[in-house]
Amino acid sequence: MITLTAVVLFYGGKVIAGSLINTSGPADYAVVLGLALENGKPTKDLMYRVETAKRYLDDHPDTTLILTGGNPDESGRTEAAVMRDLLTEIDVPQEKMILEDKAENTKENFRNILSMIDPKQTIVLISSNYHMDRAVLTAKGAGFENVLCLPAPSEFLNFSANVMREIILELNH
């Protein structure tokens, strides 16, 4: 029991520390990780990712966004397509966005992006704060060499549950 507690505390600390670290700066691409839709609509956490991507692009206009996420809703719209539509509504030009809309999880996102860009180029990851530690590890594990991170805020009331989910996923990694 003590060992299990120590493991949970260790990984919980990693997830929480990762949620606080912002190493963003100029990058060739900003990878915006998708998040499951609820009844075809973006969750608050996905909206926070979109808003963070818009602010980043405003500050770094030479960057191209890579919007990720397959998992289509009932109408066939993917997470990536929903993010594209939301960003288009707030005046992000289509030519500033590339869609990776085949993957069903973070590992597949990065595997698919590898076929789109040179892994030596600098990428900044935009995902929910609780997801950042695992996202960075997954990107580096896929072969990306220059990975920056820009954690998006998340819903406060769901933060603890999301941290626990990340701990479980890291333990199963």
N, C-alpha and C. Protein backbone atom coordinates (compact mmCIF):
# COMPACT_ATOMS: atom_id res chain seq x y z
N MET A 1 0.82 -1.20 0.00
CA MET A 1 0.00 0.00 0.00
C MET A 1 0.86 1.26 0.00
N ILE A 2 1.96 1.23 0.74
CA ILE A 2 2.85 2.39 0.78
C ILE A 2 3.48 2.62 -0.59
N THR A 3 3.84 1.53 -1.25
CA THR A 3 4.44 1.65 -2.59
C THR A 3 3.45 2.27 -3.56
N LEU A 4 2.22 1.80 -3.54
CA LEU A 4 1.19 2.35 -4.43
C LEU A 4 0.97 3.83 -4.16
N THR A 5 0.93 4.21 -2.91
CA THR A 5 0.76 5.62 -2.54
C THR A 5 1.93 6.45 -3.07
N ALA A 6 3.14 5.94 -2.91
CA ALA A 6 4.33 6.65 -3.39
C ALA A 6 4.29 6.81 -4.91
N VAL A 7 3.87 5.78 -5.62
CA VAL A 7 3.79 5.84 -7.08
C VAL A 7 2.76 6.87 -7.51
N VAL A 8 1.59 6.85 -6.88
CA VAL A 8 0.53 7.81 -7.22
C VAL A 8 0.99 9.23 -6.92
N LEU A 9 1.64 9.44 -5.80
CA LEU A 9 2.14 10.77 -5.45
C LEU A 9 3.22 11.23 -6.44
N PHE A 10 4.11 10.33 -6.82
CA PHE A 10 5.16 10.68 -7.78
C PHE A 10 4.54 11.12 -9.11
N TYR A 11 3.67 10.27 -9.67
CA TYR A 11 3.08 10.61 -10.97
C TYR A 11 2.14 11.81 -10.86
N GLY A 12 1.43 11.92 -9.75
CA GLY A 12 0.58 13.09 -9.55
C GLY A 12 1.40 14.37 -9.52
N GLY A 13 2.56 14.31 -8.86
CA GLY A 13 3.45 15.47 -8.83
C GLY A 13 3.96 15.82 -10.22
N LYS A 14 4.29 14.80 -11.02
CA LYS A 14 4.74 15.05 -12.40
C LYS A 14 3.66 15.72 -13.23
N VAL A 15 2.44 15.21 -13.10
CA VAL A 15 1.33 15.77 -13.88
C VAL A 15 1.08 17.21 -13.47
N ILE A 16 1.05 17.46 -12.17
CA ILE A 16 0.79 18.82 -11.70
C ILE A 16 1.93 19.76 -12.07
N ALA A 17 3.17 19.30 -11.92
CA ALA A 17 4.32 20.15 -12.31
C ALA A 17 4.25 20.45 -13.81
N GLY A 18 3.93 19.45 -14.61
CA GLY A 18 3.81 19.65 -16.05
C GLY A 18 2.72 20.64 -16.41
N SER A 19 1.71 20.71 -15.59
CA SER A 19 0.60 21.63 -15.87
C SER A 19 0.99 23.09 -15.64
N LEU A 20 2.08 23.31 -14.93
CA LEU A 20 2.49 24.66 -14.57
C LEU A 20 3.61 25.21 -15.44
N ILE A 21 4.24 24.35 -16.24
CA ILE A 21 5.42 24.75 -16.99
C ILE A 21 5.04 25.25 -18.38
N ASN A 22 5.41 26.48 -18.65
CA ASN A 22 5.17 27.09 -19.96
C ASN A 22 6.54 27.42 -20.55
N THR A 23 6.90 26.69 -21.60
CA THR A 23 8.19 26.94 -22.26
C THR A 23 7.96 27.48 -23.67
N SER A 24 6.78 28.02 -23.92
CA SER A 24 6.45 28.43 -25.29
C SER A 24 7.33 29.58 -25.75
N GLY A 25 7.51 29.63 -27.02
CA GLY A 25 8.27 30.66 -27.70
C GLY A 25 8.02 30.46 -29.17
N PRO A 26 8.81 31.10 -30.01
CA PRO A 26 8.62 30.93 -31.45
C PRO A 26 8.79 29.46 -31.85
N ALA A 27 7.92 28.99 -32.72
CA ALA A 27 7.97 27.60 -33.19
C ALA A 27 7.50 27.56 -34.64
N ASP A 28 7.93 26.53 -35.32
CA ASP A 28 7.49 26.33 -36.70
C ASP A 28 6.01 25.95 -36.74
N TYR A 29 5.62 25.12 -35.78
CA TYR A 29 4.24 24.62 -35.71
C TYR A 29 3.75 24.65 -34.27
N ALA A 30 2.46 24.91 -34.12
CA ALA A 30 1.80 24.76 -32.84
C ALA A 30 0.83 23.60 -32.99
N VAL A 31 1.06 22.54 -32.24
CA VAL A 31 0.22 21.35 -32.30
C VAL A 31 -0.86 21.48 -31.23
N VAL A 32 -2.10 21.59 -31.68
CA VAL A 32 -3.22 21.73 -30.76
C VAL A 32 -3.88 20.36 -30.66
N LEU A 33 -3.75 19.74 -29.50
CA LEU A 33 -4.29 18.40 -29.33
C LEU A 33 -5.79 18.44 -29.12
N GLY A 34 -6.48 17.53 -29.79
CA GLY A 34 -7.93 17.46 -29.71
C GLY A 34 -8.41 16.88 -28.39
N LEU A 35 -9.71 16.92 -28.22
CA LEU A 35 -10.35 16.41 -27.02
C LEU A 35 -11.75 15.99 -27.42
N ALA A 36 -12.19 14.86 -26.89
CA ALA A 36 -13.48 14.31 -27.30
C ALA A 36 -14.60 15.35 -27.21
N LEU A 37 -15.48 15.28 -28.20
CA LEU A 37 -16.63 16.17 -28.24
C LEU A 37 -17.74 15.60 -27.37
N GLU A 38 -18.62 16.46 -26.89
CA GLU A 38 -19.78 16.03 -26.12
C GLU A 38 -21.03 16.36 -26.93
N ASN A 39 -21.69 15.34 -27.44
CA ASN A 39 -22.88 15.54 -28.28
C ASN A 39 -22.57 16.46 -29.47
N GLY A 40 -21.38 16.27 -30.06
CA GLY A 40 -21.00 17.04 -31.22
C GLY A 40 -20.50 18.44 -30.92
N LYS A 41 -20.39 18.79 -29.65
CA LYS A 41 -19.96 20.13 -29.28
C LYS A 41 -18.66 20.08 -28.50
N PRO A 42 -17.86 21.15 -28.61
CA PRO A 42 -16.60 21.17 -27.86
C PRO A 42 -16.85 21.34 -26.36
N THR A 43 -16.03 20.68 -25.57
CA THR A 43 -16.09 20.86 -24.12
C THR A 43 -15.42 22.18 -23.78
N LYS A 44 -15.57 22.61 -22.53
CA LYS A 44 -14.89 23.84 -22.09
C LYS A 44 -13.39 23.70 -22.24
N ASP A 45 -12.86 22.52 -21.91
CA ASP A 45 -11.41 22.34 -22.01
C ASP A 45 -10.94 22.43 -23.46
N LEU A 46 -11.72 21.93 -24.41
CA LEU A 46 -11.34 22.08 -25.82
C LEU A 46 -11.42 23.55 -26.24
N MET A 47 -12.40 24.26 -25.74
CA MET A 47 -12.51 25.69 -26.03
C MET A 47 -11.28 26.44 -25.49
N TYR A 48 -10.83 26.06 -24.29
CA TYR A 48 -9.63 26.69 -23.73
C TYR A 48 -8.41 26.43 -24.63
N ARG A 49 -8.32 25.23 -25.19
CA ARG A 49 -7.21 24.92 -26.10
C ARG A 49 -7.28 25.79 -27.35
N VAL A 50 -8.49 25.96 -27.89
CA VAL A 50 -8.68 26.79 -29.08
C VAL A 50 -8.31 28.25 -28.77
N GLU A 51 -8.77 28.76 -27.64
CA GLU A 51 -8.47 30.15 -27.26
C GLU A 51 -6.96 30.33 -27.06
N THR A 52 -6.31 29.35 -26.46
CA THR A 52 -4.87 29.41 -26.25
C THR A 52 -4.14 29.42 -27.59
N ALA A 53 -4.61 28.59 -28.53
CA ALA A 53 -4.01 28.55 -29.87
C ALA A 53 -4.16 29.89 -30.57
N LYS A 54 -5.31 30.52 -30.46
CA LYS A 54 -5.54 31.82 -31.09
C LYS A 54 -4.59 32.87 -30.52
N ARG A 55 -4.46 32.91 -29.20
CA ARG A 55 -3.54 33.87 -28.57
C ARG A 55 -2.10 33.61 -29.00
N TYR A 56 -1.72 32.33 -29.06
CA TYR A 56 -0.36 31.99 -29.47
C TYR A 56 -0.13 32.46 -30.91
N LEU A 57 -1.07 32.20 -31.79
CA LEU A 57 -0.93 32.59 -33.19
C LEU A 57 -0.88 34.12 -33.34
N ASP A 58 -1.65 34.83 -32.53
CA ASP A 58 -1.59 36.30 -32.54
C ASP A 58 -0.19 36.79 -32.20
N ASP A 59 0.46 36.11 -31.24
CA ASP A 59 1.81 36.50 -30.81
C ASP A 59 2.91 35.97 -31.74
N HIS A 60 2.60 34.90 -32.49
CA HIS A 60 3.58 34.25 -33.37
C HIS A 60 2.95 34.00 -34.73
N PRO A 61 2.72 35.04 -35.50
CA PRO A 61 1.97 34.90 -36.76
C PRO A 61 2.65 34.07 -37.84
N ASP A 62 3.93 33.76 -37.69
CA ASP A 62 4.61 32.93 -38.68
C ASP A 62 4.41 31.44 -38.44
N THR A 63 3.78 31.10 -37.34
CA THR A 63 3.55 29.70 -36.98
C THR A 63 2.32 29.17 -37.70
N THR A 64 2.35 27.88 -37.99
CA THR A 64 1.19 27.18 -38.54
C THR A 64 0.62 26.28 -37.46
N LEU A 65 -0.70 26.26 -37.31
CA LEU A 65 -1.36 25.39 -36.35
C LEU A 65 -1.60 24.02 -36.97
N ILE A 66 -1.31 22.98 -36.21
CA ILE A 66 -1.71 21.63 -36.60
C ILE A 66 -2.79 21.22 -35.60
N LEU A 67 -4.00 21.08 -36.10
CA LEU A 67 -5.15 20.74 -35.26
C LEU A 67 -5.36 19.23 -35.33
N THR A 68 -5.41 18.58 -34.18
CA THR A 68 -5.45 17.13 -34.18
C THR A 68 -6.75 16.59 -33.61
N GLY A 69 -7.03 15.37 -33.97
CA GLY A 69 -8.15 14.65 -33.38
C GLY A 69 -9.09 14.09 -34.42
N GLY A 70 -9.19 12.78 -34.42
CA GLY A 70 -10.16 12.09 -35.26
C GLY A 70 -11.47 12.00 -34.51
N ASN A 71 -11.82 10.83 -34.07
CA ASN A 71 -13.01 10.61 -33.24
C ASN A 71 -14.21 11.44 -33.70
N PRO A 72 -14.77 11.14 -34.88
CA PRO A 72 -15.89 11.94 -35.37
C PRO A 72 -17.14 11.77 -34.50
N ASP A 73 -17.95 12.84 -34.47
CA ASP A 73 -19.24 12.78 -33.77
C ASP A 73 -20.26 12.12 -34.70
N GLU A 74 -21.52 12.13 -34.29
CA GLU A 74 -22.58 11.49 -35.06
C GLU A 74 -22.68 12.04 -36.48
N SER A 75 -22.36 13.30 -36.66
CA SER A 75 -22.47 13.93 -37.98
C SER A 75 -21.21 13.72 -38.83
N GLY A 76 -20.17 13.11 -38.24
CA GLY A 76 -18.94 12.88 -38.98
C GLY A 76 -17.88 13.94 -38.78
N ARG A 77 -18.17 14.98 -38.00
CA ARG A 77 -17.18 16.03 -37.74
C ARG A 77 -16.18 15.56 -36.70
N THR A 78 -14.91 15.76 -37.01
CA THR A 78 -13.85 15.36 -36.08
C THR A 78 -13.51 16.50 -35.13
N GLU A 79 -12.74 16.16 -34.10
CA GLU A 79 -12.25 17.17 -33.16
C GLU A 79 -11.45 18.24 -33.90
N ALA A 80 -10.60 17.80 -34.83
CA ALA A 80 -9.78 18.74 -35.60
C ALA A 80 -10.65 19.68 -36.42
N ALA A 81 -11.69 19.14 -37.05
CA ALA A 81 -12.58 19.97 -37.87
C ALA A 81 -13.35 20.96 -37.01
N VAL A 82 -13.77 20.55 -35.84
CA VAL A 82 -14.48 21.45 -34.93
C VAL A 82 -13.55 22.60 -34.52
N MET A 83 -12.30 22.28 -34.20
CA MET A 83 -11.35 23.34 -33.83
C MET A 83 -11.12 24.29 -35.01
N ARG A 84 -10.98 23.73 -36.21
CA ARG A 84 -10.80 24.58 -37.41
C ARG A 84 -11.98 25.54 -37.56
N ASP A 85 -13.20 25.01 -37.41
CA ASP A 85 -14.39 25.86 -37.55
C ASP A 85 -14.42 26.96 -36.49
N LEU A 86 -14.07 26.61 -35.25
CA LEU A 86 -14.05 27.60 -34.17
C LEU A 86 -12.99 28.68 -34.44
N LEU A 87 -11.82 28.27 -34.90
CA LEU A 87 -10.75 29.23 -35.18
C LEU A 87 -11.10 30.10 -36.38
N THR A 88 -11.76 29.52 -37.37
CA THR A 88 -12.19 30.30 -38.54
C THR A 88 -13.18 31.38 -38.11
N GLU A 89 -14.05 31.04 -37.17
CA GLU A 89 -15.04 32.01 -36.66
C GLU A 89 -14.37 33.20 -35.97
N ILE A 90 -13.17 33.00 -35.44
CA ILE A 90 -12.48 34.11 -34.77
C ILE A 90 -11.31 34.61 -35.62
N ASP A 91 -11.50 34.51 -36.93
CA ASP A 91 -10.63 35.15 -37.93
C ASP A 91 -9.23 34.55 -38.09
N VAL A 92 -9.07 33.26 -37.82
CA VAL A 92 -7.82 32.60 -38.15
C VAL A 92 -7.95 32.10 -39.59
N PRO A 93 -7.05 32.52 -40.48
CA PRO A 93 -7.15 32.10 -41.88
C PRO A 93 -6.93 30.58 -42.04
N GLN A 94 -7.68 29.98 -42.95
CA GLN A 94 -7.58 28.54 -43.20
C GLN A 94 -6.15 28.11 -43.53
N GLU A 95 -5.41 28.96 -44.24
CA GLU A 95 -4.05 28.59 -44.65
C GLU A 95 -3.08 28.52 -43.47
N LYS A 96 -3.49 28.97 -42.29
CA LYS A 96 -2.66 28.88 -41.08
C LYS A 96 -2.93 27.59 -40.31
N MET A 97 -3.81 26.72 -40.88
CA MET A 97 -4.20 25.51 -40.16
C MET A 97 -4.02 24.27 -41.02
N ILE A 98 -3.49 23.23 -40.41
CA ILE A 98 -3.38 21.91 -41.02
C ILE A 98 -4.16 20.96 -40.11
N LEU A 99 -4.92 20.07 -40.71
CA LEU A 99 -5.69 19.11 -39.91
C LEU A 99 -5.03 17.74 -39.90
N GLU A 100 -4.91 17.18 -38.72
CA GLU A 100 -4.56 15.77 -38.55
C GLU A 100 -5.82 15.18 -37.92
N ASP A 101 -6.68 14.62 -38.75
CA ASP A 101 -8.00 14.22 -38.28
C ASP A 101 -8.25 12.72 -38.38
N LYS A 102 -7.18 11.94 -38.29
CA LYS A 102 -7.31 10.48 -38.36
C LYS A 102 -7.07 9.80 -37.02
N ALA A 103 -6.27 10.41 -36.17
CA ALA A 103 -5.85 9.77 -34.93
C ALA A 103 -6.98 9.70 -33.91
N GLU A 104 -6.91 8.66 -33.10
CA GLU A 104 -7.88 8.48 -32.02
C GLU A 104 -7.28 8.69 -30.64
N ASN A 105 -5.96 8.94 -30.59
CA ASN A 105 -5.32 9.20 -29.30
C ASN A 105 -4.03 9.99 -29.52
N THR A 106 -3.41 10.41 -28.44
CA THR A 106 -2.24 11.27 -28.51
C THR A 106 -1.08 10.60 -29.23
N LYS A 107 -0.86 9.33 -28.96
CA LYS A 107 0.23 8.61 -29.61
C LYS A 107 0.05 8.60 -31.13
N GLU A 108 -1.17 8.32 -31.58
CA GLU A 108 -1.45 8.33 -33.02
C GLU A 108 -1.32 9.73 -33.60
N ASN A 109 -1.71 10.76 -32.83
CA ASN A 109 -1.55 12.15 -33.30
C ASN A 109 -0.11 12.39 -33.74
N PHE A 110 0.83 12.08 -32.86
CA PHE A 110 2.23 12.37 -33.16
C PHE A 110 2.79 11.47 -34.25
N ARG A 111 2.36 10.23 -34.30
CA ARG A 111 2.80 9.34 -35.37
C ARG A 111 2.34 9.89 -36.72
N ASN A 112 1.10 10.38 -36.79
CA ASN A 112 0.59 10.95 -38.03
C ASN A 112 1.26 12.27 -38.39
N ILE A 113 1.54 13.09 -37.39
CA ILE A 113 2.19 14.38 -37.65
C ILE A 113 3.61 14.18 -38.18
N LEU A 114 4.26 13.09 -37.76
CA LEU A 114 5.60 12.79 -38.25
C LEU A 114 5.64 12.71 -39.78
N SER A 115 4.54 12.27 -40.38
CA SER A 115 4.52 12.17 -41.84
C SER A 115 4.24 13.53 -42.50
N MET A 116 3.92 14.54 -41.70
CA MET A 116 3.59 15.86 -42.23
C MET A 116 4.75 16.85 -42.14
N ILE A 117 5.55 16.72 -41.08
CA ILE A 117 6.59 17.72 -40.84
C ILE A 117 7.89 17.04 -40.43
N ASP A 118 8.97 17.78 -40.51
CA ASP A 118 10.29 17.31 -40.10
C ASP A 118 10.35 17.31 -38.57
N PRO A 119 10.67 16.18 -37.95
CA PRO A 119 10.71 16.12 -36.48
C PRO A 119 11.78 16.99 -35.84
N LYS A 120 12.67 17.58 -36.67
CA LYS A 120 13.69 18.48 -36.13
C LYS A 120 13.15 19.90 -36.00
N GLN A 121 12.02 20.18 -36.65
CA GLN A 121 11.44 21.52 -36.52
C GLN A 121 10.88 21.71 -35.12
N THR A 122 10.83 22.95 -34.70
CA THR A 122 10.33 23.25 -33.36
C THR A 122 8.81 23.24 -33.36
N ILE A 123 8.26 22.52 -32.38
CA ILE A 123 6.80 22.52 -32.19
C ILE A 123 6.50 23.00 -30.77
N VAL A 124 5.39 23.68 -30.65
CA VAL A 124 4.88 24.02 -29.33
C VAL A 124 3.58 23.24 -29.17
N LEU A 125 3.45 22.53 -28.07
CA LEU A 125 2.25 21.76 -27.81
C LEU A 125 1.25 22.60 -27.06
N ILE A 126 0.02 22.57 -27.51
CA ILE A 126 -1.08 23.24 -26.81
C ILE A 126 -2.08 22.16 -26.44
N SER A 127 -2.22 21.97 -25.16
CA SER A 127 -3.17 20.99 -24.63
C SER A 127 -3.58 21.47 -23.24
N SER A 128 -4.52 20.77 -22.66
CA SER A 128 -4.94 21.13 -21.31
C SER A 128 -3.79 20.95 -20.34
N ASN A 129 -3.76 21.78 -19.33
CA ASN A 129 -2.65 21.77 -18.37
C ASN A 129 -2.40 20.37 -17.79
N TYR A 130 -3.44 19.65 -17.43
CA TYR A 130 -3.29 18.33 -16.83
C TYR A 130 -2.72 17.30 -17.81
N HIS A 131 -2.79 17.56 -19.10
CA HIS A 131 -2.36 16.62 -20.14
C HIS A 131 -0.94 16.91 -20.62
N MET A 132 -0.36 18.01 -20.22
CA MET A 132 0.89 18.48 -20.80
C MET A 132 2.06 17.54 -20.58
N ASP A 133 2.23 17.02 -19.39
CA ASP A 133 3.38 16.15 -19.11
C ASP A 133 3.37 14.94 -20.04
N ARG A 134 2.26 14.26 -20.15
CA ARG A 134 2.17 13.07 -21.01
C ARG A 134 2.29 13.44 -22.48
N ALA A 135 1.73 14.59 -22.86
CA ALA A 135 1.81 15.03 -24.26
C ALA A 135 3.26 15.27 -24.68
N VAL A 136 4.03 15.93 -23.82
CA VAL A 136 5.44 16.19 -24.12
C VAL A 136 6.21 14.87 -24.23
N LEU A 137 5.99 13.97 -23.28
CA LEU A 137 6.67 12.67 -23.32
C LEU A 137 6.31 11.90 -24.58
N THR A 138 5.06 11.95 -24.98
CA THR A 138 4.61 11.24 -26.17
C THR A 138 5.22 11.84 -27.43
N ALA A 139 5.28 13.16 -27.51
CA ALA A 139 5.88 13.83 -28.67
C ALA A 139 7.36 13.46 -28.79
N LYS A 140 8.07 13.52 -27.69
CA LYS A 140 9.50 13.18 -27.72
C LYS A 140 9.69 11.70 -28.03
N GLY A 141 8.82 10.86 -27.48
CA GLY A 141 8.89 9.42 -27.76
C GLY A 141 8.64 9.10 -29.23
N ALA A 142 7.86 9.95 -29.90
CA ALA A 142 7.57 9.76 -31.33
C ALA A 142 8.74 10.22 -32.19
N GLY A 143 9.66 11.00 -31.62
CA GLY A 143 10.83 11.44 -32.38
C GLY A 143 10.96 12.93 -32.56
N PHE A 144 10.05 13.71 -32.01
CA PHE A 144 10.18 15.17 -32.12
C PHE A 144 11.29 15.63 -31.18
N GLU A 145 12.19 16.46 -31.71
CA GLU A 145 13.39 16.83 -30.97
C GLU A 145 13.27 18.16 -30.23
N ASN A 146 12.50 19.08 -30.78
CA ASN A 146 12.40 20.42 -30.21
C ASN A 146 10.96 20.69 -29.81
N VAL A 147 10.64 20.34 -28.58
CA VAL A 147 9.26 20.40 -28.11
C VAL A 147 9.13 21.45 -27.01
N LEU A 148 8.31 22.45 -27.28
CA LEU A 148 7.97 23.47 -26.29
C LEU A 148 6.55 23.18 -25.80
N CYS A 149 6.16 23.76 -24.70
CA CYS A 149 4.79 23.50 -24.23
C CYS A 149 4.10 24.78 -23.78
N LEU A 150 2.82 24.81 -24.08
CA LEU A 150 1.95 25.92 -23.69
C LEU A 150 0.67 25.32 -23.14
N PRO A 151 0.61 25.13 -21.83
CA PRO A 151 -0.59 24.52 -21.25
C PRO A 151 -1.78 25.47 -21.30
N ALA A 152 -2.90 24.94 -21.75
CA ALA A 152 -4.15 25.69 -21.73
C ALA A 152 -4.81 25.46 -20.37
N PRO A 153 -5.58 26.43 -19.90
CA PRO A 153 -6.29 26.20 -18.65
C PRO A 153 -7.29 25.07 -18.81
N SER A 154 -7.82 24.61 -17.71
CA SER A 154 -8.84 23.56 -17.73
C SER A 154 -9.90 23.88 -16.69
N GLU A 155 -11.00 23.18 -16.80
CA GLU A 155 -12.09 23.38 -15.85
C GLU A 155 -11.61 22.99 -14.45
N PHE A 156 -11.68 23.92 -13.54
CA PHE A 156 -11.18 23.70 -12.18
C PHE A 156 -11.85 22.52 -11.50
N LEU A 157 -13.16 22.39 -11.64
CA LEU A 157 -13.89 21.35 -10.92
C LEU A 157 -13.55 19.94 -11.41
N ASN A 158 -13.02 19.83 -12.63
CA ASN A 158 -12.66 18.52 -13.17
C ASN A 158 -11.16 18.24 -13.10
N PHE A 159 -10.39 19.20 -12.60
CA PHE A 159 -8.93 19.07 -12.62
C PHE A 159 -8.46 17.82 -11.88
N SER A 160 -8.95 17.57 -10.68
CA SER A 160 -8.50 16.41 -9.89
C SER A 160 -8.79 15.11 -10.61
N ALA A 161 -9.98 14.98 -11.18
CA ALA A 161 -10.34 13.76 -11.90
C ALA A 161 -9.44 13.59 -13.12
N ASN A 162 -9.14 14.68 -13.80
CA ASN A 162 -8.27 14.60 -14.98
C ASN A 162 -6.84 14.25 -14.60
N VAL A 163 -6.36 14.76 -13.47
CA VAL A 163 -5.03 14.39 -12.99
C VAL A 163 -4.99 12.89 -12.70
N MET A 164 -6.02 12.36 -12.06
CA MET A 164 -6.06 10.92 -11.77
C MET A 164 -6.06 10.11 -13.06
N ARG A 165 -6.79 10.56 -14.05
CA ARG A 165 -6.83 9.88 -15.35
C ARG A 165 -5.43 9.86 -15.97
N GLU A 166 -4.73 10.98 -15.90
CA GLU A 166 -3.38 11.06 -16.45
C GLU A 166 -2.43 10.13 -15.71
N ILE A 167 -2.57 10.04 -14.39
CA ILE A 167 -1.73 9.13 -13.61
C ILE A 167 -1.95 7.70 -14.08
N ILE A 168 -3.20 7.32 -14.24
CA ILE A 168 -3.52 5.95 -14.69
C ILE A 168 -2.95 5.71 -16.08
N LEU A 169 -3.09 6.68 -16.98
CA LEU A 169 -2.57 6.50 -18.33
C LEU A 169 -1.04 6.43 -18.34
N GLU A 170 -0.38 7.21 -17.49
CA GLU A 170 1.08 7.14 -17.42
C GLU A 170 1.53 5.79 -16.84
N LEU A 171 0.79 5.27 -15.87
CA LEU A 171 1.15 3.98 -15.30
C LEU A 171 0.96 2.86 -16.32
N ASN A 172 0.04 3.02 -17.24
CA ASN A 172 -0.21 2.00 -18.27
C ASN A 172 0.66 2.21 -19.50
N HIS A 173 1.43 3.26 -19.53
CA HIS A 173 2.25 3.62 -20.69
C HIS A 173 3.39 2.69 -20.87
